[in-house]
Amino acid sequence: MSKQLDPKDPTPYFYDAIRKQTTNRPVEALQDMQKAIELNDNRAVYRSRLLLDADLAARSASLGRIYGDLDSSNLAW
């Protein structure tokens, strides 16, 4: 619902990606995380550049974990 109320906010995409990753849905998690990173700078009205960079770092680290999960799942094929 929050994605519909404020489609430019990266936060719901970030948390949805984490939820999907923990429920073993890495491809969907990857899509949401990429969207969260794309929307990161939309929070500039509310947050300083330093905090935006910290948000981006957290999203990028999570993205790395998702890619790790995707790579691990490919080994089983």
PDB file of N, CA and C in Angstrom:
ATOM      1  N   MET A   1       0.819  -1.177   0.000  1.00  0.00           N
ATOM      2  CA  MET A   1       0.000   0.000   0.000  1.00  0.00           C
ATOM      3  C   MET A   1       0.878   1.262   0.000  1.00  0.00           C
ATOM      4  N   SER A   2       1.995   1.214   0.733  1.00  0.00           N
ATOM      5  CA  SER A   2       2.856   2.403   0.791  1.00  0.00           C
ATOM      6  C   SER A   2       3.503   2.698  -0.559  1.00  0.00           C
ATOM      7  N   LYS A   3       3.718   1.676  -1.380  1.00  0.00           N
ATOM      8  CA  LYS A   3       4.254   1.915  -2.723  1.00  0.00           C
ATOM      9  C   LYS A   3       3.265   2.719  -3.556  1.00  0.00           C
ATOM     10  N   GLN A   4       1.980   2.492  -3.327  1.00  0.00           N
ATOM     11  CA  GLN A   4       0.952   3.221  -4.073  1.00  0.00           C
ATOM     12  C   GLN A   4       0.776   4.632  -3.544  1.00  0.00           C
ATOM     13  N   LEU A   5       0.880   4.807  -2.233  1.00  0.00           N
ATOM     14  CA  LEU A   5       0.673   6.130  -1.643  1.00  0.00           C
ATOM     15  C   LEU A   5       1.798   7.099  -1.973  1.00  0.00           C
ATOM     16  N   ASP A   6       3.031   6.605  -2.020  1.00  0.00           N
ATOM     17  CA  ASP A   6       4.174   7.461  -2.352  1.00  0.00           C
ATOM     18  C   ASP A   6       5.133   6.667  -3.240  1.00  0.00           C
ATOM     19  N   PRO A   7       4.859   6.612  -4.536  1.00  0.00           N
ATOM     20  CA  PRO A   7       5.660   5.788  -5.440  1.00  0.00           C
ATOM     21  C   PRO A   7       7.109   6.241  -5.603  1.00  0.00           C
ATOM     22  N   LYS A   8       7.445   7.444  -5.119  1.00  0.00           N
ATOM     23  CA  LYS A   8       8.817   7.930  -5.241  1.00  0.00           C
ATOM     24  C   LYS A   8       9.659   7.658  -3.997  1.00  0.00           C
ATOM     25  N   ASP A   9       9.068   7.053  -2.978  1.00  0.00           N
ATOM     26  CA  ASP A   9       9.786   6.739  -1.741  1.00  0.00           C
ATOM     27  C   ASP A   9      10.479   5.382  -1.888  1.00  0.00           C
ATOM     28  N   PRO A  10      11.787   5.314  -1.675  1.00  0.00           N
ATOM     29  CA  PRO A  10      12.496   4.051  -1.838  1.00  0.00           C
ATOM     30  C   PRO A  10      12.310   3.073  -0.667  1.00  0.00           C
ATOM     31  N   THR A  11      11.849   3.551   0.473  1.00  0.00           N
ATOM     32  CA  THR A  11      11.798   2.733   1.677  1.00  0.00           C
ATOM     33  C   THR A  11      10.951   1.469   1.533  1.00  0.00           C
ATOM     34  N   PRO A  12       9.723   1.535   1.006  1.00  0.00           N
ATOM     35  CA  PRO A  12       8.952   0.296   0.910  1.00  0.00           C
ATOM     36  C   PRO A  12       9.582  -0.733  -0.028  1.00  0.00           C
ATOM     37  N   TYR A  13      10.251  -0.251  -1.062  1.00  0.00           N
ATOM     38  CA  TYR A  13      10.929  -1.177  -1.975  1.00  0.00           C
ATOM     39  C   TYR A  13      12.095  -1.855  -1.272  1.00  0.00           C
ATOM     40  N   PHE A  14      12.817  -1.094  -0.453  1.00  0.00           N
ATOM     41  CA  PHE A  14      13.951  -1.634   0.293  1.00  0.00           C
ATOM     42  C   PHE A  14      13.501  -2.741   1.248  1.00  0.00           C
ATOM     43  N   TYR A  15      12.486  -2.455   2.051  1.00  0.00           N
ATOM     44  CA  TYR A  15      12.029  -3.440   3.020  1.00  0.00           C
ATOM     45  C   TYR A  15      11.330  -4.624   2.358  1.00  0.00           C
ATOM     46  N   ASP A  16      10.654  -4.377   1.253  1.00  0.00           N
ATOM     47  CA  ASP A  16      10.030  -5.478   0.529  1.00  0.00           C
ATOM     48  C   ASP A  16      11.096  -6.393  -0.078  1.00  0.00           C
ATOM     49  N   ALA A  17      12.187  -5.801  -0.533  1.00  0.00           N
ATOM     50  CA  ALA A  17      13.286  -6.608  -1.071  1.00  0.00           C
ATOM     51  C   ALA A  17      13.891  -7.497   0.013  1.00  0.00           C
ATOM     52  N   ILE A  18      14.070  -6.946   1.194  1.00  0.00           N
ATOM     53  CA  ILE A  18      14.611  -7.742   2.301  1.00  0.00           C
ATOM     54  C   ILE A  18      13.651  -8.875   2.649  1.00  0.00           C
ATOM     55  N   ARG A  19      12.354  -8.569   2.690  1.00  0.00           N
ATOM     56  CA  ARG A  19      11.352  -9.598   2.990  1.00  0.00           C
ATOM     57  C   ARG A  19      11.384 -10.713   1.939  1.00  0.00           C
ATOM     58  N   LYS A  20      11.465 -10.337   0.689  1.00  0.00           N
ATOM     59  CA  LYS A  20      11.480 -11.328  -0.386  1.00  0.00           C
ATOM     60  C   LYS A  20      12.763 -12.148  -0.362  1.00  0.00           C
ATOM     61  N   GLN A  21      13.868 -11.515  -0.009  1.00  0.00           N
ATOM     62  CA  GLN A  21      15.126 -12.259   0.075  1.00  0.00           C
ATOM     63  C   GLN A  21      15.061 -13.303   1.187  1.00  0.00           C
ATOM     64  N   THR A  22      14.481 -12.942   2.310  1.00  0.00           N
ATOM     65  CA  THR A  22      14.418 -13.894   3.432  1.00  0.00           C
ATOM     66  C   THR A  22      13.410 -15.005   3.189  1.00  0.00           C
ATOM     67  N   THR A  23      12.500 -14.812   2.235  1.00  0.00           N
ATOM     68  CA  THR A  23      11.552 -15.880   1.893  1.00  0.00           C
ATOM     69  C   THR A  23      11.963 -16.606   0.608  1.00  0.00           C
ATOM     70  N   ASN A  24      13.259 -16.511   0.298  1.00  0.00           N
ATOM     71  CA  ASN A  24      13.856 -17.233  -0.831  1.00  0.00           C
ATOM     72  C   ASN A  24      13.224 -16.860  -2.174  1.00  0.00           C
ATOM     73  N   ARG A  25      13.074 -15.569  -2.406  1.00  0.00           N
ATOM     74  CA  ARG A  25      12.594 -15.054  -3.686  1.00  0.00           C
ATOM     75  C   ARG A  25      13.602 -14.019  -4.188  1.00  0.00           C
ATOM     76  N   PRO A  26      14.835 -14.448  -4.505  1.00  0.00           N
ATOM     77  CA  PRO A  26      15.903 -13.491  -4.809  1.00  0.00           C
ATOM     78  C   PRO A  26      15.703 -12.672  -6.076  1.00  0.00           C
ATOM     79  N   VAL A  27      15.043 -13.204  -7.074  1.00  0.00           N
ATOM     80  CA  VAL A  27      14.847 -12.439  -8.312  1.00  0.00           C
ATOM     81  C   VAL A  27      13.908 -11.262  -8.051  1.00  0.00           C
ATOM     82  N   GLU A  28      12.826 -11.513  -7.330  1.00  0.00           N
ATOM     83  CA  GLU A  28      11.912 -10.426  -6.988  1.00  0.00           C
ATOM     84  C   GLU A  28      12.581  -9.429  -6.039  1.00  0.00           C
ATOM     85  N   ALA A  29      13.397  -9.943  -5.126  1.00  0.00           N
ATOM     86  CA  ALA A  29      14.139  -9.077  -4.208  1.00  0.00           C
ATOM     87  C   ALA A  29      15.086  -8.179  -4.989  1.00  0.00           C
ATOM     88  N   LEU A  30      15.736  -8.729  -5.983  1.00  0.00           N
ATOM     89  CA  LEU A  30      16.654  -7.950  -6.810  1.00  0.00           C
ATOM     90  C   LEU A  30      15.923  -6.807  -7.501  1.00  0.00           C
ATOM     91  N   GLN A  31      14.759  -7.073  -8.043  1.00  0.00           N
ATOM     92  CA  GLN A  31      13.995  -6.025  -8.729  1.00  0.00           C
ATOM     93  C   GLN A  31      13.609  -4.907  -7.766  1.00  0.00           C
ATOM     94  N   ASP A  32      13.151  -5.273  -6.573  1.00  0.00           N
ATOM     95  CA  ASP A  32      12.770  -4.251  -5.600  1.00  0.00           C
ATOM     96  C   ASP A  32      13.982  -3.462  -5.110  1.00  0.00           C
ATOM     97  N   MET A  33      15.103  -4.135  -4.910  1.00  0.00           N
ATOM     98  CA  MET A  33      16.294  -3.441  -4.424  1.00  0.00           C
ATOM     99  C   MET A  33      16.814  -2.472  -5.481  1.00  0.00           C
ATOM    100  N   GLN A  34      16.793  -2.880  -6.736  1.00  0.00           N
ATOM    101  CA  GLN A  34      17.219  -1.979  -7.804  1.00  0.00           C
ATOM    102  C   GLN A  34      16.307  -0.751  -7.879  1.00  0.00           C
ATOM    103  N   LYS A  35      15.026  -0.948  -7.666  1.00  0.00           N
ATOM    104  CA  LYS A  35      14.081   0.178  -7.656  1.00  0.00           C
ATOM    105  C   LYS A  35      14.371   1.099  -6.468  1.00  0.00           C
ATOM    106  N   ALA A  36      14.677   0.531  -5.305  1.00  0.00           N
ATOM    107  CA  ALA A  36      14.998   1.338  -4.123  1.00  0.00           C
ATOM    108  C   ALA A  36      16.245   2.186  -4.369  1.00  0.00           C
ATOM    109  N   ILE A  37      17.244   1.601  -5.001  1.00  0.00           N
ATOM    110  CA  ILE A  37      18.471   2.347  -5.312  1.00  0.00           C
ATOM    111  C   ILE A  37      18.182   3.459  -6.322  1.00  0.00           C
ATOM    112  N   GLU A  38      17.359   3.148  -7.301  1.00  0.00           N
ATOM    113  CA  GLU A  38      16.991   4.138  -8.315  1.00  0.00           C
ATOM    114  C   GLU A  38      16.272   5.340  -7.682  1.00  0.00           C
ATOM    115  N   LEU A  39      15.453   5.079  -6.678  1.00  0.00           N
ATOM    116  CA  LEU A  39      14.664   6.132  -6.039  1.00  0.00           C
ATOM    117  C   LEU A  39      15.370   6.801  -4.866  1.00  0.00           C
ATOM    118  N   ASN A  40      16.579   6.395  -4.542  1.00  0.00           N
ATOM    119  CA  ASN A  40      17.270   6.860  -3.338  1.00  0.00           C
ATOM    120  C   ASN A  40      17.314   8.379  -3.206  1.00  0.00           C
ATOM    121  N   ASP A  41      17.633   9.085  -4.268  1.00  0.00           N
ATOM    122  CA  ASP A  41      17.806  10.536  -4.180  1.00  0.00           C
ATOM    123  C   ASP A  41      16.485  11.297  -4.059  1.00  0.00           C
ATOM    124  N   ASN A  42      15.361  10.608  -4.192  1.00  0.00           N
ATOM    125  CA  ASN A  42      14.068  11.275  -4.021  1.00  0.00           C
ATOM    126  C   ASN A  42      13.839  11.708  -2.571  1.00  0.00           C
ATOM    127  N   ARG A  43      14.639  11.210  -1.653  1.00  0.00           N
ATOM    128  CA  ARG A  43      14.498  11.568  -0.248  1.00  0.00           C
ATOM    129  C   ARG A  43      15.339  12.796   0.112  1.00  0.00           C
ATOM    130  N   ALA A  44      15.944  13.433  -0.867  1.00  0.00           N
ATOM    131  CA  ALA A  44      16.828  14.571  -0.611  1.00  0.00           C
ATOM    132  C   ALA A  44      16.118  15.714   0.107  1.00  0.00           C
ATOM    133  N   VAL A  45      14.832  15.809  -0.048  1.00  0.00           N
ATOM    134  CA  VAL A  45      14.071  16.854   0.627  1.00  0.00           C
ATOM    135  C   VAL A  45      14.083  16.633   2.141  1.00  0.00           C
ATOM    136  N   TYR A  46      14.158  15.361   2.547  1.00  0.00           N
ATOM    137  CA  TYR A  46      14.054  15.005   3.962  1.00  0.00           C
ATOM    138  C   TYR A  46      15.382  14.696   4.631  1.00  0.00           C
ATOM    139  N   ARG A  47      16.392  14.352   3.847  1.00  0.00           N
ATOM    140  CA  ARG A  47      17.643  13.867   4.421  1.00  0.00           C
ATOM    141  C   ARG A  47      18.842  14.603   3.827  1.00  0.00           C
ATOM    142  N   SER A  48      19.912  14.695   4.608  1.00  0.00           N
ATOM    143  CA  SER A  48      21.133  15.333   4.128  1.00  0.00           C
ATOM    144  C   SER A  48      21.844  14.412   3.134  1.00  0.00           C
ATOM    145  N   ARG A  49      22.793  14.962   2.432  1.00  0.00           N
ATOM    146  CA  ARG A  49      23.568  14.169   1.465  1.00  0.00           C
ATOM    147  C   ARG A  49      24.296  13.027   2.162  1.00  0.00           C
ATOM    148  N   LEU A  50      24.807  13.283   3.350  1.00  0.00           N
ATOM    149  CA  LEU A  50      25.510  12.255   4.112  1.00  0.00           C
ATOM    150  C   LEU A  50      24.579  11.086   4.431  1.00  0.00           C
ATOM    151  N   LEU A  51      23.373  11.384   4.855  1.00  0.00           N
ATOM    152  CA  LEU A  51      22.418  10.314   5.168  1.00  0.00           C
ATOM    153  C   LEU A  51      21.941   9.602   3.906  1.00  0.00           C
ATOM    154  N   LEU A  52      21.799  10.339   2.814  1.00  0.00           N
ATOM    155  CA  LEU A  52      21.438   9.693   1.545  1.00  0.00           C
ATOM    156  C   LEU A  52      22.531   8.721   1.108  1.00  0.00           C
ATOM    157  N   ASP A  53      23.777   9.119   1.295  1.00  0.00           N
ATOM    158  CA  ASP A  53      24.890   8.232   0.959  1.00  0.00           C
ATOM    159  C   ASP A  53      24.896   7.003   1.850  1.00  0.00           C
ATOM    160  N   ALA A  54      24.563   7.172   3.128  1.00  0.00           N
ATOM    161  CA  ALA A  54      24.482   6.028   4.044  1.00  0.00           C
ATOM    162  C   ALA A  54      23.349   5.093   3.624  1.00  0.00           C
ATOM    163  N   ASP A  55      22.214   5.659   3.204  1.00  0.00           N
ATOM    164  CA  ASP A  55      21.100   4.845   2.711  1.00  0.00           C
ATOM    165  C   ASP A  55      21.520   4.050   1.478  1.00  0.00           C
ATOM    166  N   LEU A  56      22.207   4.717   0.571  1.00  0.00           N
ATOM    167  CA  LEU A  56      22.663   4.056  -0.647  1.00  0.00           C
ATOM    168  C   LEU A  56      23.649   2.942  -0.324  1.00  0.00           C
ATOM    169  N   ALA A  57      24.515   3.166   0.645  1.00  0.00           N
ATOM    170  CA  ALA A  57      25.472   2.136   1.042  1.00  0.00           C
ATOM    171  C   ALA A  57      24.742   0.911   1.598  1.00  0.00           C
ATOM    172  N   ALA A  58      23.722   1.132   2.409  1.00  0.00           N
ATOM    173  CA  ALA A  58      22.954   0.011   2.964  1.00  0.00           C
ATOM    174  C   ALA A  58      22.233  -0.743   1.856  1.00  0.00           C
ATOM    175  N   ARG A  59      21.673  -0.011   0.917  1.00  0.00           N
ATOM    176  CA  ARG A  59      20.971  -0.667  -0.198  1.00  0.00           C
ATOM    177  C   ARG A  59      21.955  -1.427  -1.074  1.00  0.00           C
ATOM    178  N   SER A  60      23.119  -0.864  -1.301  1.00  0.00           N
ATOM    179  CA  SER A  60      24.121  -1.535  -2.133  1.00  0.00           C
ATOM    180  C   SER A  60      24.641  -2.803  -1.464  1.00  0.00           C
ATOM    181  N   ALA A  61      24.831  -2.766  -0.160  1.00  0.00           N
ATOM    182  CA  ALA A  61      25.268  -3.965   0.565  1.00  0.00           C
ATOM    183  C   ALA A  61      24.199  -5.043   0.483  1.00  0.00           C
ATOM    184  N   SER A  62      22.949  -4.657   0.615  1.00  0.00           N
ATOM    185  CA  SER A  62      21.851  -5.618   0.491  1.00  0.00           C
ATOM    186  C   SER A  62      21.780  -6.177  -0.920  1.00  0.00           C
ATOM    187  N   LEU A  63      22.042  -5.329  -1.897  1.00  0.00           N
ATOM    188  CA  LEU A  63      22.061  -5.781  -3.280  1.00  0.00           C
ATOM    189  C   LEU A  63      23.145  -6.831  -3.480  1.00  0.00           C
ATOM    190  N   GLY A  64      24.290  -6.624  -2.869  1.00  0.00           N
ATOM    191  CA  GLY A  64      25.369  -7.609  -2.951  1.00  0.00           C
ATOM    192  C   GLY A  64      24.969  -8.947  -2.361  1.00  0.00           C
ATOM    193  N   ARG A  65      24.245  -8.920  -1.243  1.00  0.00           N
ATOM    194  CA  ARG A  65      23.773 -10.171  -0.640  1.00  0.00           C
ATOM    195  C   ARG A  65      22.779 -10.879  -1.544  1.00  0.00           C
ATOM    196  N   ILE A  66      21.926 -10.107  -2.211  1.00  0.00           N
ATOM    197  CA  ILE A  66      20.958 -10.718  -3.137  1.00  0.00           C
ATOM    198  C   ILE A  66      21.695 -11.360  -4.302  1.00  0.00           C
ATOM    199  N   TYR A  67      22.683 -10.648  -4.860  1.00  0.00           N
ATOM    200  CA  TYR A  67      23.469 -11.245  -5.944  1.00  0.00           C
ATOM    201  C   TYR A  67      24.176 -12.506  -5.470  1.00  0.00           C
ATOM    202  N   GLY A  68      24.648 -12.513  -4.240  1.00  0.00           N
ATOM    203  CA  GLY A  68      25.262 -13.711  -3.671  1.00  0.00           C
ATOM    204  C   GLY A  68      24.280 -14.862  -3.599  1.00  0.00           C
ATOM    205  N   ASP A  69      23.059 -14.573  -3.189  1.00  0.00           N
ATOM    206  CA  ASP A  69      22.018 -15.606  -3.152  1.00  0.00           C
ATOM    207  C   ASP A  69      21.714 -16.124  -4.539  1.00  0.00           C
ATOM    208  N   LEU A  70      21.635 -15.226  -5.506  1.00  0.00           N
ATOM    209  CA  LEU A  70      21.352 -15.646  -6.884  1.00  0.00           C
ATOM    210  C   LEU A  70      22.475 -16.522  -7.419  1.00  0.00           C
ATOM    211  N   ASP A  71      23.705 -16.161  -7.119  1.00  0.00           N
ATOM    212  CA  ASP A  71      24.842 -16.949  -7.579  1.00  0.00           C
ATOM    213  C   ASP A  71      24.839 -18.328  -6.916  1.00  0.00           C
ATOM    214  N   SER A  72      24.518 -18.375  -5.648  1.00  0.00           N
ATOM    215  CA  SER A  72      24.482 -19.648  -4.930  1.00  0.00           C
ATOM    216  C   SER A  72      23.375 -20.544  -5.474  1.00  0.00           C
ATOM    217  N   SER A  73      22.243 -19.953  -5.828  1.00  0.00           N
ATOM    218  CA  SER A  73      21.153 -20.769  -6.357  1.00  0.00           C
ATOM    219  C   SER A  73      21.476 -21.284  -7.740  1.00  0.00           C
ATOM    220  N   ASN A  74      22.302 -20.565  -8.500  1.00  0.00           N
ATOM    221  CA  ASN A  74      22.703 -21.037  -9.823  1.00  0.00           C
ATOM    222  C   ASN A  74      23.608 -22.238  -9.743  1.00  0.00           C
ATOM    223  N   LEU A  75      24.346 -22.388  -8.651  1.00  0.00           N
ATOM    224  CA  LEU A  75      25.231 -23.529  -8.512  1.00  0.00           C
ATOM    225  C   LEU A  75      24.460 -24.825  -8.429  1.00  0.00           C
ATOM    226  N   ALA A  76      23.210 -24.766  -7.992  1.00  0.00           N
ATOM    227  CA  ALA A  76      22.398 -25.970  -7.857  1.00  0.00           C
ATOM    228  C   ALA A  76      21.828 -26.439  -9.183  1.00  0.00           C
ATOM    229  N   TRP A  77      21.894 -25.621 -10.198  1.00  0.00           N
ATOM    230  CA  TRP A  77      21.314 -25.989 -11.492  1.00  0.00           C
ATOM    231  C   TRP A  77      22.201 -26.964 -12.121  1.00  0.00           C
TER     232      TRP A  77
END
